[in-house]
Amino acid sequence: MSPRSSVAPVVASGTASVVKLLVATLAFTGAYAGVETSRGASAQAPASAAAQAQPVTLSSKSMPATTVEAPAAGTIAVSALTVSRPCHRPYLIQSVVDNPRPDSAVSYGWRLQRWSTATRTWRTYLTSHSGFAGRSQTAEWQPSVVDNPGWYRAELSVSGGTRLRSAKFLVSC
């Protein structure tokens, strides 16, 4: 192999990098010059232009506000979310977690359990852990069940020994 043939790819890749940097520099310079030009133009705008501005009234009726109520303390609420794909079932699971000592942190963990017909027991399918500091908070979790129909329930374990379980729900495809 000749030295010239081994140097050619390096020179070609270096040239491509230089061209990319040059294009990026020119784009940045053009954007900077445009900002400076628009700043100078707005400073020179006549006062009558400000007087011609029309107020815009925004209506709250154009987009209705929706609120999701937090579940009662000591319960778990499970809501099905919109399905994006076949046999893909996302859920919103919520509960209110009270912290008896708001000056310290409380940790909690979610567990989505699936009923096993073979062992006739609830088996862990998904888990998630979190925490917060303060008096109370609505804890939310959004697990998804994909291609695995069956009976499920959610469980919330809070540091200090509190354990809550949701009612069972059926996931089908």
C-alpha atoms as a PDB file:
ATOM      1  CA  MET A   1       0.000   0.000   0.000  1.00  0.00           C
ATOM      2  CA  SER A   2       1.431   3.359  -0.963  1.00  0.00           C
ATOM      3  CA  PRO A   3       1.622   6.225   1.535  1.00  0.00           C
ATOM      4  CA  ARG A   4      -0.463   8.362  -0.792  1.00  0.00           C
ATOM      5  CA  SER A   5      -3.436   5.938  -0.757  1.00  0.00           C
ATOM      6  CA  SER A   6      -3.458   5.800   3.075  1.00  0.00           C
ATOM      7  CA  VAL A   7      -3.421   9.604   3.408  1.00  0.00           C
ATOM      8  CA  ALA A   8      -6.256  10.271   0.948  1.00  0.00           C
ATOM      9  CA  PRO A   9      -9.125   9.127   3.255  1.00  0.00           C
ATOM     10  CA  VAL A  10      -7.755  11.213   6.139  1.00  0.00           C
ATOM     11  CA  VAL A  11      -7.505  14.315   3.952  1.00  0.00           C
ATOM     12  CA  ALA A  12     -11.003  13.721   2.569  1.00  0.00           C
ATOM     13  CA  SER A  13     -12.570  13.349   6.034  1.00  0.00           C
ATOM     14  CA  GLY A  14     -10.655  16.420   7.276  1.00  0.00           C
ATOM     15  CA  THR A  15     -11.902  18.430   4.310  1.00  0.00           C
ATOM     16  CA  ALA A  16     -15.477  17.367   5.028  1.00  0.00           C
ATOM     17  CA  SER A  17     -15.106  18.471   8.654  1.00  0.00           C
ATOM     18  CA  VAL A  18     -13.711  21.839   7.609  1.00  0.00           C
ATOM     19  CA  VAL A  19     -16.628  22.367   5.215  1.00  0.00           C
ATOM     20  CA  LYS A  20     -19.147  21.499   7.963  1.00  0.00           C
ATOM     21  CA  LEU A  21     -17.499  23.937  10.379  1.00  0.00           C
ATOM     22  CA  LEU A  22     -17.470  26.655   7.720  1.00  0.00           C
ATOM     23  CA  VAL A  23     -21.189  26.185   7.018  1.00  0.00           C
ATOM     24  CA  ALA A  24     -22.008  26.246  10.744  1.00  0.00           C
ATOM     25  CA  THR A  25     -19.957  29.422  11.226  1.00  0.00           C
ATOM     26  CA  LEU A  26     -21.683  31.160   8.334  1.00  0.00           C
ATOM     27  CA  ALA A  27     -25.118  30.140   9.667  1.00  0.00           C
ATOM     28  CA  PHE A  28     -24.267  31.463  13.131  1.00  0.00           C
ATOM     29  CA  THR A  29     -22.913  34.725  11.718  1.00  0.00           C
ATOM     30  CA  GLY A  30     -26.029  35.184   9.590  1.00  0.00           C
ATOM     31  CA  ALA A  31     -28.309  34.569  12.552  1.00  0.00           C
ATOM     32  CA  TYR A  32     -26.335  37.000  14.714  1.00  0.00           C
ATOM     33  CA  ALA A  33     -26.459  39.684  12.009  1.00  0.00           C
ATOM     34  CA  GLY A  34     -30.207  39.162  11.645  1.00  0.00           C
ATOM     35  CA  VAL A  35     -30.752  39.629  15.387  1.00  0.00           C
ATOM     36  CA  GLU A  36     -28.688  42.810  15.413  1.00  0.00           C
ATOM     37  CA  THR A  37     -30.588  44.148  12.388  1.00  0.00           C
ATOM     38  CA  SER A  38     -33.985  43.413  13.925  1.00  0.00           C
ATOM     39  CA  ARG A  39     -32.905  44.984  17.235  1.00  0.00           C
ATOM     40  CA  GLY A  40     -31.917  48.184  15.440  1.00  0.00           C
ATOM     41  CA  ALA A  41     -35.147  48.194  13.416  1.00  0.00           C
ATOM     42  CA  SER A  42     -37.327  47.856  16.495  1.00  0.00           C
ATOM     43  CA  ALA A  43     -35.508  50.736  18.178  1.00  0.00           C
ATOM     44  CA  GLN A  44     -36.187  52.910  15.135  1.00  0.00           C
ATOM     45  CA  ALA A  45     -39.884  52.007  14.865  1.00  0.00           C
ATOM     46  CA  PRO A  46     -42.137  55.047  15.011  1.00  0.00           C
ATOM     47  CA  ALA A  47     -44.267  55.637  18.092  1.00  0.00           C
ATOM     48  CA  SER A  48     -47.380  55.521  15.898  1.00  0.00           C
ATOM     49  CA  ALA A  49     -46.776  51.807  15.273  1.00  0.00           C
ATOM     50  CA  ALA A  50     -47.279  51.151  18.982  1.00  0.00           C
ATOM     51  CA  ALA A  51     -50.477  53.183  18.907  1.00  0.00           C
ATOM     52  CA  GLN A  52     -51.811  51.032  16.051  1.00  0.00           C
ATOM     53  CA  ALA A  53     -51.422  47.784  17.986  1.00  0.00           C
ATOM     54  CA  GLN A  54     -54.703  45.985  18.568  1.00  0.00           C
ATOM     55  CA  PRO A  55     -55.412  44.228  21.867  1.00  0.00           C
ATOM     56  CA  VAL A  56     -56.048  40.500  21.689  1.00  0.00           C
ATOM     57  CA  THR A  57     -58.673  38.939  23.942  1.00  0.00           C
ATOM     58  CA  LEU A  58     -58.132  35.318  24.850  1.00  0.00           C
ATOM     59  CA  SER A  59     -61.144  33.186  25.604  1.00  0.00           C
ATOM     60  CA  SER A  60     -61.109  30.426  28.163  1.00  0.00           C
ATOM     61  CA  LYS A  61     -63.962  28.768  26.287  1.00  0.00           C
ATOM     62  CA  SER A  62     -61.724  27.766  23.373  1.00  0.00           C
ATOM     63  CA  MET A  63     -60.048  24.996  25.394  1.00  0.00           C
ATOM     64  CA  PRO A  64     -62.009  23.564  28.283  1.00  0.00           C
ATOM     65  CA  ALA A  65     -60.011  22.911  31.413  1.00  0.00           C
ATOM     66  CA  THR A  66     -60.064  19.352  32.637  1.00  0.00           C
ATOM     67  CA  THR A  67     -59.153  18.358  36.143  1.00  0.00           C
ATOM     68  CA  VAL A  68     -58.482  14.915  37.459  1.00  0.00           C
ATOM     69  CA  GLU A  69     -59.638  14.492  41.016  1.00  0.00           C
ATOM     70  CA  ALA A  70     -57.209  12.863  43.383  1.00  0.00           C
ATOM     71  CA  PRO A  71     -58.424   9.639  44.971  1.00  0.00           C
ATOM     72  CA  ALA A  72     -59.439   9.614  48.605  1.00  0.00           C
ATOM     73  CA  ALA A  73     -56.692   8.948  51.119  1.00  0.00           C
ATOM     74  CA  GLY A  74     -56.250   5.244  51.713  1.00  0.00           C
ATOM     75  CA  THR A  75     -57.422   4.207  48.237  1.00  0.00           C
ATOM     76  CA  ILE A  76     -55.825   3.573  44.865  1.00  0.00           C
ATOM     77  CA  ALA A  77     -57.491   4.773  41.661  1.00  0.00           C
ATOM     78  CA  VAL A  78     -56.708   3.001  38.378  1.00  0.00           C
ATOM     79  CA  SER A  79     -57.696   4.684  35.101  1.00  0.00           C
ATOM     80  CA  ALA A  80     -57.128   3.348  31.602  1.00  0.00           C
ATOM     81  CA  LEU A  81     -55.407   5.820  29.282  1.00  0.00           C
ATOM     82  CA  THR A  82     -55.902   6.018  25.534  1.00  0.00           C
ATOM     83  CA  VAL A  83     -54.612   3.048  23.569  1.00  0.00           C
ATOM     84  CA  SER A  84     -51.892   3.894  21.074  1.00  0.00           C
ATOM     85  CA  ARG A  85     -51.225   0.426  19.628  1.00  0.00           C
ATOM     86  CA  PRO A  86     -52.985  -2.928  19.548  1.00  0.00           C
ATOM     87  CA  CYS A  87     -52.595  -4.825  22.828  1.00  0.00           C
ATOM     88  CA  HIS A  88     -50.807  -1.892  24.484  1.00  0.00           C
ATOM     89  CA  ARG A  89     -52.689  -0.816  27.605  1.00  0.00           C
ATOM     90  CA  PRO A  90     -51.334   2.229  29.500  1.00  0.00           C
ATOM     91  CA  TYR A  91     -52.827   3.093  32.911  1.00  0.00           C
ATOM     92  CA  LEU A  92     -52.764   6.022  35.318  1.00  0.00           C
ATOM     93  CA  ILE A  93     -52.548   4.799  38.908  1.00  0.00           C
ATOM     94  CA  GLN A  94     -52.931   7.340  41.725  1.00  0.00           C
ATOM     95  CA  SER A  95     -53.121   7.508  45.492  1.00  0.00           C
ATOM     96  CA  VAL A  96     -52.694  10.174  48.144  1.00  0.00           C
ATOM     97  CA  VAL A  97     -49.638   9.596  50.315  1.00  0.00           C
ATOM     98  CA  ASP A  98     -49.690  11.314  53.718  1.00  0.00           C
ATOM     99  CA  ASN A  99     -46.410  12.066  55.483  1.00  0.00           C
ATOM    100  CA  PRO A 100     -46.846  12.113  59.266  1.00  0.00           C
ATOM    101  CA  ARG A 101     -43.436  13.822  59.581  1.00  0.00           C
ATOM    102  CA  PRO A 102     -43.415  16.581  56.917  1.00  0.00           C
ATOM    103  CA  ASP A 103     -39.944  17.726  57.978  1.00  0.00           C
ATOM    104  CA  SER A 104     -38.475  14.451  56.680  1.00  0.00           C
ATOM    105  CA  ALA A 105     -38.754  12.548  53.415  1.00  0.00           C
ATOM    106  CA  VAL A 106     -41.114   9.675  52.801  1.00  0.00           C
ATOM    107  CA  SER A 107     -40.446   7.025  50.180  1.00  0.00           C
ATOM    108  CA  TYR A 108     -42.971   4.830  48.425  1.00  0.00           C
ATOM    109  CA  GLY A 109     -43.026   2.099  45.849  1.00  0.00           C
ATOM    110  CA  TRP A 110     -45.544   0.976  43.272  1.00  0.00           C
ATOM    111  CA  ARG A 111     -45.986  -2.613  42.221  1.00  0.00           C
ATOM    112  CA  LEU A 112     -48.195  -3.837  39.405  1.00  0.00           C
ATOM    113  CA  GLN A 113     -49.105  -7.447  40.091  1.00  0.00           C
ATOM    114  CA  ARG A 114     -50.508 -10.037  37.671  1.00  0.00           C
ATOM    115  CA  TRP A 115     -52.610 -13.019  38.728  1.00  0.00           C
ATOM    116  CA  SER A 116     -50.893 -16.309  37.895  1.00  0.00           C
ATOM    117  CA  THR A 117     -53.377 -19.076  37.145  1.00  0.00           C
ATOM    118  CA  ALA A 118     -50.581 -21.645  37.365  1.00  0.00           C
ATOM    119  CA  THR A 119     -49.527 -20.796  40.938  1.00  0.00           C
ATOM    120  CA  ARG A 120     -52.803 -19.125  41.955  1.00  0.00           C
ATOM    121  CA  THR A 121     -50.875 -16.162  43.407  1.00  0.00           C
ATOM    122  CA  TRP A 122     -50.270 -12.504  42.602  1.00  0.00           C
ATOM    123  CA  ARG A 123     -46.844 -12.085  40.986  1.00  0.00           C
ATOM    124  CA  THR A 124     -44.951  -8.827  40.479  1.00  0.00           C
ATOM    125  CA  TYR A 125     -45.120  -7.587  36.885  1.00  0.00           C
ATOM    126  CA  LEU A 126     -43.685  -4.005  37.118  1.00  0.00           C
ATOM    127  CA  THR A 127     -42.272  -1.816  39.905  1.00  0.00           C
ATOM    128  CA  SER A 128     -41.444   1.847  40.454  1.00  0.00           C
ATOM    129  CA  HIS A 129     -40.069   3.792  43.428  1.00  0.00           C
ATOM    130  CA  SER A 130     -40.164   7.456  44.408  1.00  0.00           C
ATOM    131  CA  GLY A 131     -40.461   9.797  47.357  1.00  0.00           C
ATOM    132  CA  PHE A 132     -41.052  13.364  48.514  1.00  0.00           C
ATOM    133  CA  ALA A 133     -40.807  15.702  51.489  1.00  0.00           C
ATOM    134  CA  GLY A 134     -43.821  17.580  52.795  1.00  0.00           C
ATOM    135  CA  ARG A 135     -47.243  16.935  54.313  1.00  0.00           C
ATOM    136  CA  SER A 136     -48.997  14.949  51.567  1.00  0.00           C
ATOM    137  CA  GLN A 137     -48.839  14.391  47.835  1.00  0.00           C
ATOM    138  CA  THR A 138     -50.799  12.640  45.123  1.00  0.00           C
ATOM    139  CA  ALA A 139     -48.519   9.854  43.950  1.00  0.00           C
ATOM    140  CA  GLU A 140     -48.963   8.930  40.273  1.00  0.00           C
ATOM    141  CA  TRP A 141     -47.605   6.116  38.166  1.00  0.00           C
ATOM    142  CA  GLN A 142     -48.195   5.330  34.482  1.00  0.00           C
ATOM    143  CA  PRO A 143     -47.335   1.699  33.783  1.00  0.00           C
ATOM    144  CA  SER A 144     -48.136  -0.048  30.503  1.00  0.00           C
ATOM    145  CA  VAL A 145     -49.118  -3.647  29.909  1.00  0.00           C
ATOM    146  CA  VAL A 146     -48.037  -4.822  26.456  1.00  0.00           C
ATOM    147  CA  ASP A 147     -49.152  -8.136  24.930  1.00  0.00           C
ATOM    148  CA  ASN A 148     -49.940  -9.698  28.305  1.00  0.00           C
ATOM    149  CA  PRO A 149     -53.693  -9.945  28.984  1.00  0.00           C
ATOM    150  CA  GLY A 150     -54.892 -11.088  32.382  1.00  0.00           C
ATOM    151  CA  TRP A 151     -55.984  -9.890  35.811  1.00  0.00           C
ATOM    152  CA  TYR A 152     -53.910  -7.156  37.453  1.00  0.00           C
ATOM    153  CA  ARG A 153     -53.897  -5.051  40.610  1.00  0.00           C
ATOM    154  CA  ALA A 154     -51.747  -2.171  41.850  1.00  0.00           C
ATOM    155  CA  GLU A 155     -50.045  -2.082  45.217  1.00  0.00           C
ATOM    156  CA  LEU A 156     -48.559   0.939  46.980  1.00  0.00           C
ATOM    157  CA  SER A 157     -46.050   0.490  49.811  1.00  0.00           C
ATOM    158  CA  VAL A 158     -45.146   3.558  51.860  1.00  0.00           C
ATOM    159  CA  SER A 159     -42.175   3.751  54.213  1.00  0.00           C
ATOM    160  CA  GLY A 160     -43.446   3.208  57.726  1.00  0.00           C
ATOM    161  CA  GLY A 161     -45.436   0.118  56.838  1.00  0.00           C
ATOM    162  CA  THR A 162     -48.534   1.398  54.999  1.00  0.00           C
ATOM    163  CA  ARG A 163     -49.606  -0.918  52.171  1.00  0.00           C
ATOM    164  CA  LEU A 164     -52.576  -0.326  49.866  1.00  0.00           C
ATOM    165  CA  ARG A 165     -53.994  -2.512  47.105  1.00  0.00           C
ATOM    166  CA  SER A 166     -56.329  -1.574  44.288  1.00  0.00           C
ATOM    167  CA  ALA A 167     -59.257  -3.638  43.122  1.00  0.00           C
ATOM    168  CA  LYS A 168     -58.287  -6.152  40.443  1.00  0.00           C
ATOM    169  CA  PHE A 169     -58.832  -5.150  36.818  1.00  0.00           C
ATOM    170  CA  LEU A 170     -58.824  -7.108  33.580  1.00  0.00           C
ATOM    171  CA  VAL A 171     -56.405  -6.280  30.776  1.00  0.00           C
ATOM    172  CA  SER A 172     -57.522  -7.693  27.436  1.00  0.00           C
ATOM    173  CA  CYS A 173     -56.385  -7.363  23.835  1.00  0.00           C
END
